[in-house]
């Protein structure tokens, strides 16, 4: 049985991998330590393992959460490890290399919601869903909603009761963005020059159907999605967010900004524009909305496909089997 050490640091996109590793217990000999423990004990401790999965805080330009001295030390420990090395890159953006300091694209890597270009340019052995950390205590409820029984119940009521409504409920504002290495980020600007504000203003100018933009509790938000036809999603700190999972979970059409189309959101399936979701940009948003409300039969099929893809694509056990197979083949 392969001996695997998972060195874990802080990140909101770390949880999916932790849940996957939990399912691998007994199939591999797994030990999990935090980065601080690894810094103190790693030099000798790591010699007992065949494989290291190495994770550090993913945003290298963050002045408050990035510990240069600590991470430089653990990086050196990792490089000196004689066994098989795997990186876990949990950056919010699927286009950003959280280990760019290594200047090495060939180290095997697990990547949270990578872009398809990154998948072609890097040695990505597994993709995991981002945003799972945002589920917090709702994780069990989220997974329960993905059960076959829940899907069949939803399917038996198809096409479900949906209002002719649009949902666009997002956060605005982030403190000082001058240090950010995100290609996109939640924005705050007097002149509304960023994507979330631009989308908001474009939706306000769409007069055919009102858009609900009122912030809600998590429970109320999920109930709101159950009756909403369309969920509009745009980038924030990264291209993806939890919304792209919540919307199809409750049978909404995912209307995704075109930048999100470049991201592999689900580990085990690819989402296809026009079949599982619809993409938009600011220039064509009104046109896309008119198409949606003029073609409800087509839209019902697309939102059904989106929920089915979520059903088969967000799968911890399948991810665990995939990672065990890779590790056992080393």
Protein backbone atom coordinates (compact mmCIF):
# COMPACT_ATOMS: atom_id res chain seq x y z
CA UNK A 1 0.00 0.00 0.00
CA UNK A 2 1.42 3.38 -1.03
CA UNK A 3 2.26 5.76 1.79
CA UNK A 4 0.94 9.23 1.00
CA UNK A 5 1.57 12.47 2.88
CA UNK A 6 -0.85 15.33 2.27
CA UNK A 7 0.62 18.68 3.34
CA UNK A 8 -2.38 20.98 3.71
CA UNK A 9 -2.57 24.73 4.02
CA UNK A 10 -5.46 27.21 4.06
CA UNK A 11 -7.75 27.72 1.07
CA UNK A 12 -11.49 27.89 0.47
CA UNK A 13 -11.04 25.56 -2.53
CA UNK A 14 -9.33 22.82 -0.54
CA UNK A 15 -12.38 20.96 0.71
CA UNK A 16 -13.24 18.87 -2.34
CA UNK A 17 -9.82 17.22 -2.26
CA UNK A 18 -10.10 16.57 1.48
CA UNK A 19 -13.42 14.83 0.94
CA UNK A 20 -11.85 12.77 -1.85
CA UNK A 21 -8.90 11.77 0.33
CA UNK A 22 -11.30 10.72 3.09
CA UNK A 23 -12.73 8.15 0.68
CA UNK A 24 -9.23 6.83 -0.04
CA UNK A 25 -8.50 5.80 3.55
CA UNK A 26 -7.76 2.07 3.56
CA UNK A 27 -6.82 2.12 -0.13
CA UNK A 28 -3.68 4.12 0.57
CA UNK A 29 -1.77 4.74 3.80
CA UNK A 30 -2.65 8.43 4.21
CA UNK A 31 -1.26 10.97 6.65
CA UNK A 32 -2.37 14.61 6.70
CA UNK A 33 -0.32 17.41 8.28
CA UNK A 34 -0.56 21.18 8.15
CA UNK A 35 2.19 23.28 6.62
CA UNK A 36 3.53 24.44 9.99
CA UNK A 37 4.00 20.85 11.17
CA UNK A 38 5.67 19.96 7.90
CA UNK A 39 8.06 22.90 8.30
CA UNK A 40 9.24 21.59 11.68
CA UNK A 41 9.21 17.83 11.10
CA UNK A 42 9.27 17.43 7.33
CA UNK A 43 12.99 16.94 6.76
CA UNK A 44 13.04 13.50 8.39
CA UNK A 45 9.30 12.77 8.56
CA UNK A 46 8.76 12.84 4.78
CA UNK A 47 11.31 10.05 4.25
CA UNK A 48 8.69 7.57 5.45
CA UNK A 49 6.41 8.27 2.47
CA UNK A 50 6.20 7.28 -1.19
CA UNK A 51 4.16 10.29 -2.34
CA UNK A 52 3.69 13.88 -1.17
CA UNK A 53 0.68 15.98 -2.17
CA UNK A 54 1.84 19.53 -1.46
CA UNK A 55 -0.54 22.45 -0.94
CA UNK A 56 0.24 26.03 0.04
CA UNK A 57 -1.93 29.13 0.25
CA UNK A 58 -2.55 29.81 -3.44
CA UNK A 59 -2.33 33.60 -3.70
CA UNK A 60 1.33 34.46 -3.72
CA UNK A 61 0.81 38.24 -3.66
CA UNK A 62 -1.51 38.38 -0.66
CA UNK A 63 0.29 40.43 2.02
CA UNK A 64 -1.68 39.14 5.00
CA UNK A 65 -1.99 35.43 4.32
CA UNK A 66 1.21 34.65 2.41
CA UNK A 67 4.04 33.67 4.76
CA UNK A 68 7.19 33.99 2.67
CA UNK A 69 9.64 32.55 5.19
CA UNK A 70 7.46 29.57 6.01
CA UNK A 71 6.65 28.71 2.41
CA UNK A 72 10.20 29.15 1.12
CA UNK A 73 11.29 26.66 3.79
CA UNK A 74 8.58 24.11 2.98
CA UNK A 75 9.18 24.54 -0.75
CA UNK A 76 12.79 23.47 -0.17
CA UNK A 77 11.65 20.47 1.86
CA UNK A 78 9.31 19.47 -0.93
CA UNK A 79 12.01 19.79 -3.60
CA UNK A 80 14.36 17.63 -1.52
CA UNK A 81 11.80 14.84 -1.19
CA UNK A 82 13.06 11.74 -3.00
CA UNK A 83 9.67 10.15 -3.72
CA UNK A 84 6.84 11.12 -6.07
CA UNK A 85 5.74 14.76 -5.90
CA UNK A 86 2.22 16.07 -6.59
CA UNK A 87 1.14 19.71 -6.32
CA UNK A 88 -2.35 20.75 -5.29
CA UNK A 89 -3.18 24.11 -6.84
CA UNK A 90 -6.34 25.58 -5.30
CA UNK A 91 -6.18 29.08 -6.77
CA UNK A 92 -9.56 30.75 -7.27
CA UNK A 93 -8.78 31.18 -10.95
CA UNK A 94 -8.41 28.24 -13.27
CA UNK A 95 -6.05 30.31 -15.41
CA UNK A 96 -3.49 31.11 -12.71
CA UNK A 97 -0.53 28.94 -11.68
CA UNK A 98 -0.39 29.03 -7.87
CA UNK A 99 3.11 27.55 -8.07
CA UNK A 100 4.53 29.90 -10.71
CA UNK A 101 7.50 30.40 -8.38
CA UNK A 102 8.57 26.85 -9.24
CA UNK A 103 8.87 27.68 -12.96
CA UNK A 104 7.96 24.09 -13.74
CA UNK A 105 4.82 23.02 -15.57
CA UNK A 106 5.72 19.33 -15.56
CA UNK A 107 5.26 18.46 -11.88
CA UNK A 108 2.06 16.38 -11.59
CA UNK A 109 -0.70 18.61 -10.33
CA UNK A 110 -4.22 18.47 -8.93
CA UNK A 111 -5.97 21.68 -9.94
CA UNK A 112 -9.21 23.26 -8.75
CA UNK A 113 -11.41 24.19 -11.71
CA UNK A 114 -8.61 24.64 -14.29
CA UNK A 115 -9.03 26.38 -17.60
CA UNK A 116 -8.93 24.06 -20.59
CA UNK A 117 -5.80 25.86 -21.76
CA UNK A 118 -4.09 25.19 -18.46
CA UNK A 119 -5.02 21.53 -18.77
CA UNK A 120 -3.18 21.41 -22.09
CA UNK A 121 -0.14 23.35 -20.85
CA UNK A 122 0.44 21.69 -17.46
CA UNK A 123 0.74 18.13 -16.19
CA UNK A 124 -2.71 18.05 -14.56
CA UNK A 125 -3.48 14.55 -13.30
CA UNK A 126 -6.81 15.39 -11.69
CA UNK A 127 -9.29 18.24 -11.57
CA UNK A 128 -11.40 19.02 -8.53
CA UNK A 129 -14.40 21.27 -8.09
CA UNK A 130 -13.69 24.65 -6.60
CA UNK A 131 -15.96 26.52 -4.25
CA UNK A 132 -16.78 23.45 -2.16
CA UNK A 133 -15.33 25.19 0.90
CA UNK A 134 -18.07 27.77 0.61
CA UNK A 135 -20.66 25.08 1.30
CA UNK A 136 -19.49 24.78 4.93
CA UNK A 137 -22.25 23.16 6.97
CA UNK A 138 -24.45 22.79 3.89
CA UNK A 139 -22.07 20.27 2.30
CA UNK A 140 -24.08 17.25 3.48
CA UNK A 141 -27.31 18.85 2.27
CA UNK A 142 -25.69 19.67 -1.07
CA UNK A 143 -24.52 16.09 -1.55
CA UNK A 144 -27.91 14.77 -0.45
CA UNK A 145 -29.55 16.89 -3.14
CA UNK A 146 -27.28 15.14 -5.66
CA UNK A 147 -28.58 11.71 -4.69
CA UNK A 148 -30.32 9.57 -7.31
CA UNK A 149 -33.50 9.60 -5.25
CA UNK A 150 -33.59 13.41 -5.19
CA UNK A 151 -32.82 13.60 -8.90
CA UNK A 152 -35.58 11.10 -9.75
CA UNK A 153 -38.06 13.02 -7.59
CA UNK A 154 -37.10 16.24 -9.37
CA UNK A 155 -37.37 14.49 -12.73
CA UNK A 156 -40.82 13.10 -11.92
CA UNK A 157 -42.07 16.68 -11.53
CA UNK A 158 -40.41 17.85 -14.73
CA UNK A 159 -40.43 20.53 -16.06
CA UNK A 160 -41.04 21.75 -12.47
CA UNK A 161 -42.69 24.95 -11.35
CA UNK A 162 -40.55 27.85 -12.50
CA UNK A 163 -41.35 31.53 -12.52
CA UNK A 164 -40.34 33.52 -15.57
CA UNK A 165 -37.65 35.17 -13.47
CA UNK A 166 -33.95 36.02 -13.46
CA UNK A 167 -31.66 35.67 -10.46
CA UNK A 168 -28.55 37.82 -10.10
CA UNK A 169 -27.48 37.95 -6.46
CA UNK A 170 -23.76 38.65 -6.07
CA UNK A 171 -21.34 40.36 -3.72
CA UNK A 172 -19.60 43.61 -4.57
CA UNK A 173 -16.46 45.08 -3.16
CA UNK A 174 -13.13 43.82 -1.98
CA UNK A 175 -10.61 45.72 0.09
CA UNK A 176 -7.40 46.90 -1.55
CA UNK A 177 -7.02 45.08 -4.88
CA UNK A 178 -3.56 46.48 -5.68
CA UNK A 179 -1.79 43.26 -4.62
CA UNK A 180 -4.20 40.82 -6.21
CA UNK A 181 -2.93 38.32 -8.73
CA UNK A 182 -6.44 37.34 -9.82
CA UNK A 183 -7.28 37.94 -13.47
CA UNK A 184 -10.78 38.82 -12.28
CA UNK A 185 -12.02 39.85 -8.85
CA UNK A 186 -15.00 41.16 -7.00
CA UNK A 187 -14.89 44.84 -7.74
CA UNK A 188 -15.71 48.13 -6.07
CA UNK A 189 -15.71 51.27 -8.14
CA UNK A 190 -17.50 54.60 -8.22
CA UNK A 191 -17.88 54.43 -11.99
CA UNK A 192 -19.06 50.79 -12.08
CA UNK A 193 -16.33 49.81 -14.51
CA UNK A 194 -16.05 46.16 -13.49
CA UNK A 195 -17.81 43.07 -14.70
CA UNK A 196 -20.19 42.48 -11.81
CA UNK A 197 -21.40 46.07 -11.83
CA UNK A 198 -21.61 46.16 -15.62
CA UNK A 199 -23.74 43.03 -15.61
CA UNK A 200 -25.95 44.45 -12.87
CA UNK A 201 -26.53 47.66 -14.84
CA UNK A 202 -27.23 45.73 -18.04
CA UNK A 203 -29.83 43.62 -16.24
CA UNK A 204 -31.44 46.73 -14.77
CA UNK A 205 -31.90 48.00 -18.31
CA UNK A 206 -33.58 44.78 -19.42
CA UNK A 207 -37.27 45.65 -19.17
CA UNK A 208 -38.94 42.47 -20.40
CA UNK A 209 -38.37 40.48 -17.19
CA UNK A 210 -37.38 41.77 -13.78
CA UNK A 211 -34.18 40.53 -12.18
CA UNK A 212 -34.08 39.70 -8.48
CA UNK A 213 -30.89 41.20 -7.00
CA UNK A 214 -31.87 41.23 -3.33
CA UNK A 215 -29.40 39.53 -0.98
CA UNK A 216 -30.86 36.56 0.91
CA UNK A 217 -29.96 34.07 3.60
CA UNK A 218 -28.57 30.78 2.30
CA UNK A 219 -31.86 28.97 2.93
CA UNK A 220 -33.92 31.71 1.30
CA UNK A 221 -31.50 31.86 -1.60
CA UNK A 222 -31.87 28.15 -2.32
CA UNK A 223 -35.65 28.43 -2.11
CA UNK A 224 -35.39 31.37 -4.50
CA UNK A 225 -33.40 29.26 -6.98
CA UNK A 226 -36.05 26.54 -6.86
CA UNK A 227 -38.53 28.92 -8.49
CA UNK A 228 -36.13 30.93 -10.70
CA UNK A 229 -35.78 30.06 -14.36
CA UNK A 230 -32.45 31.77 -15.04
CA UNK A 231 -29.38 32.22 -12.84
CA UNK A 232 -26.86 34.74 -14.16
CA UNK A 233 -23.27 34.11 -13.11
CA UNK A 234 -20.13 36.19 -13.62
CA UNK A 235 -16.52 35.95 -12.41
CA UNK A 236 -15.53 37.14 -8.95
CA UNK A 237 -12.19 36.40 -7.31
CA UNK A 238 -11.82 33.76 -10.00
CA UNK A 239 -13.92 32.67 -12.94
CA UNK A 240 -15.86 30.04 -11.06
CA UNK A 241 -17.97 30.24 -7.93
CA UNK A 242 -20.44 28.12 -6.00
CA UNK A 243 -23.31 29.59 -8.05
CA UNK A 244 -22.46 27.45 -11.05
CA UNK A 245 -23.25 24.36 -8.94
CA UNK A 246 -26.19 25.74 -6.98
CA UNK A 247 -28.14 26.91 -10.03
CA UNK A 248 -28.42 23.54 -11.85
CA UNK A 249 -28.82 21.79 -8.49
CA UNK A 250 -32.19 23.54 -8.22
CA UNK A 251 -33.04 23.27 -11.92
CA UNK A 252 -32.10 26.77 -13.07
CA UNK A 253 -30.63 27.56 -16.44
CA UNK A 254 -26.99 28.54 -15.96
CA UNK A 255 -26.44 31.77 -17.91
CA UNK A 256 -22.66 32.07 -17.57
CA UNK A 257 -20.34 34.86 -18.58
CA UNK A 258 -18.27 33.63 -21.52
CA UNK A 259 -15.03 33.65 -19.49
CA UNK A 260 -16.48 30.88 -17.32
CA UNK A 261 -16.95 28.74 -20.43
CA UNK A 262 -13.17 28.31 -20.54
CA UNK A 263 -13.14 26.64 -17.10
CA UNK A 264 -13.62 22.94 -16.34
CA UNK A 265 -16.16 23.34 -13.55
CA UNK A 266 -16.93 19.65 -13.00
CA UNK A 267 -14.25 16.99 -12.54
CA UNK A 268 -15.85 14.20 -14.59
CA UNK A 269 -17.77 15.87 -17.41
CA UNK A 270 -17.37 18.85 -19.72
CA UNK A 271 -20.16 21.38 -19.92
CA UNK A 272 -21.13 22.32 -23.48
CA UNK A 273 -22.34 25.80 -24.35
CA UNK A 274 -25.82 25.63 -25.84
CA UNK A 275 -26.44 22.13 -24.49
CA UNK A 276 -25.84 22.36 -20.72
CA UNK A 277 -25.71 26.13 -20.21
CA UNK A 278 -25.77 29.36 -22.23
CA UNK A 279 -22.92 31.85 -22.32
CA UNK A 280 -23.14 35.63 -22.65
CA UNK A 281 -21.13 38.82 -22.65
CA UNK A 282 -22.21 42.34 -21.84
CA UNK A 283 -22.83 43.19 -25.48
CA UNK A 284 -25.20 40.28 -26.15
CA UNK A 285 -26.82 39.78 -22.71
CA UNK A 286 -30.21 41.24 -23.73
CA UNK A 287 -30.18 39.19 -26.93
CA UNK A 288 -29.44 36.00 -24.98
CA UNK A 289 -32.23 36.73 -22.50
CA UNK A 290 -34.72 37.30 -25.32
CA UNK A 291 -33.67 33.97 -26.85
CA UNK A 292 -34.26 32.26 -23.50
CA UNK A 293 -37.76 33.63 -22.99
CA UNK A 294 -38.71 33.06 -26.63
CA UNK A 295 -37.57 29.41 -26.63
CA UNK A 296 -38.70 27.88 -23.36
CA UNK A 297 -38.86 24.33 -24.70
CA UNK A 298 -35.19 24.50 -25.71
CA UNK A 299 -34.27 26.15 -22.44
CA UNK A 300 -36.04 23.45 -20.44
CA UNK A 301 -33.91 20.85 -22.22
CA UNK A 302 -30.72 22.80 -21.53
CA UNK A 303 -31.43 23.24 -17.85
CA UNK A 304 -32.33 19.54 -17.58
CA UNK A 305 -28.99 18.68 -19.19
CA UNK A 306 -27.18 21.02 -16.81
CA UNK A 307 -28.64 19.31 -13.77
CA UNK A 308 -27.85 15.87 -15.18
CA UNK A 309 -24.24 16.88 -15.86
CA UNK A 310 -23.92 18.10 -12.28
CA UNK A 311 -25.32 14.76 -11.14
CA UNK A 312 -22.60 12.75 -12.86
CA UNK A 313 -19.78 15.29 -12.81
CA UNK A 314 -19.59 16.19 -9.10
CA UNK A 315 -18.57 12.83 -7.66
CA UNK A 316 -16.15 12.41 -4.74
CA UNK A 317 -16.05 8.63 -5.03
CA UNK A 318 -15.17 8.70 -8.70
CA UNK A 319 -12.45 11.26 -7.96
CA UNK A 320 -11.11 9.03 -5.18
CA UNK A 321 -10.98 6.00 -7.48
CA UNK A 322 -9.20 8.08 -10.10
CA UNK A 323 -6.55 9.37 -7.68
CA UNK A 324 -5.98 5.93 -6.11
CA UNK A 325 -5.42 4.49 -9.57
CA UNK A 326 -2.88 7.20 -10.40
CA UNK A 327 -0.98 6.81 -7.11
CA UNK A 328 -0.89 3.01 -7.33
CA UNK A 329 0.54 3.32 -10.82
CA UNK A 330 3.53 5.41 -9.70
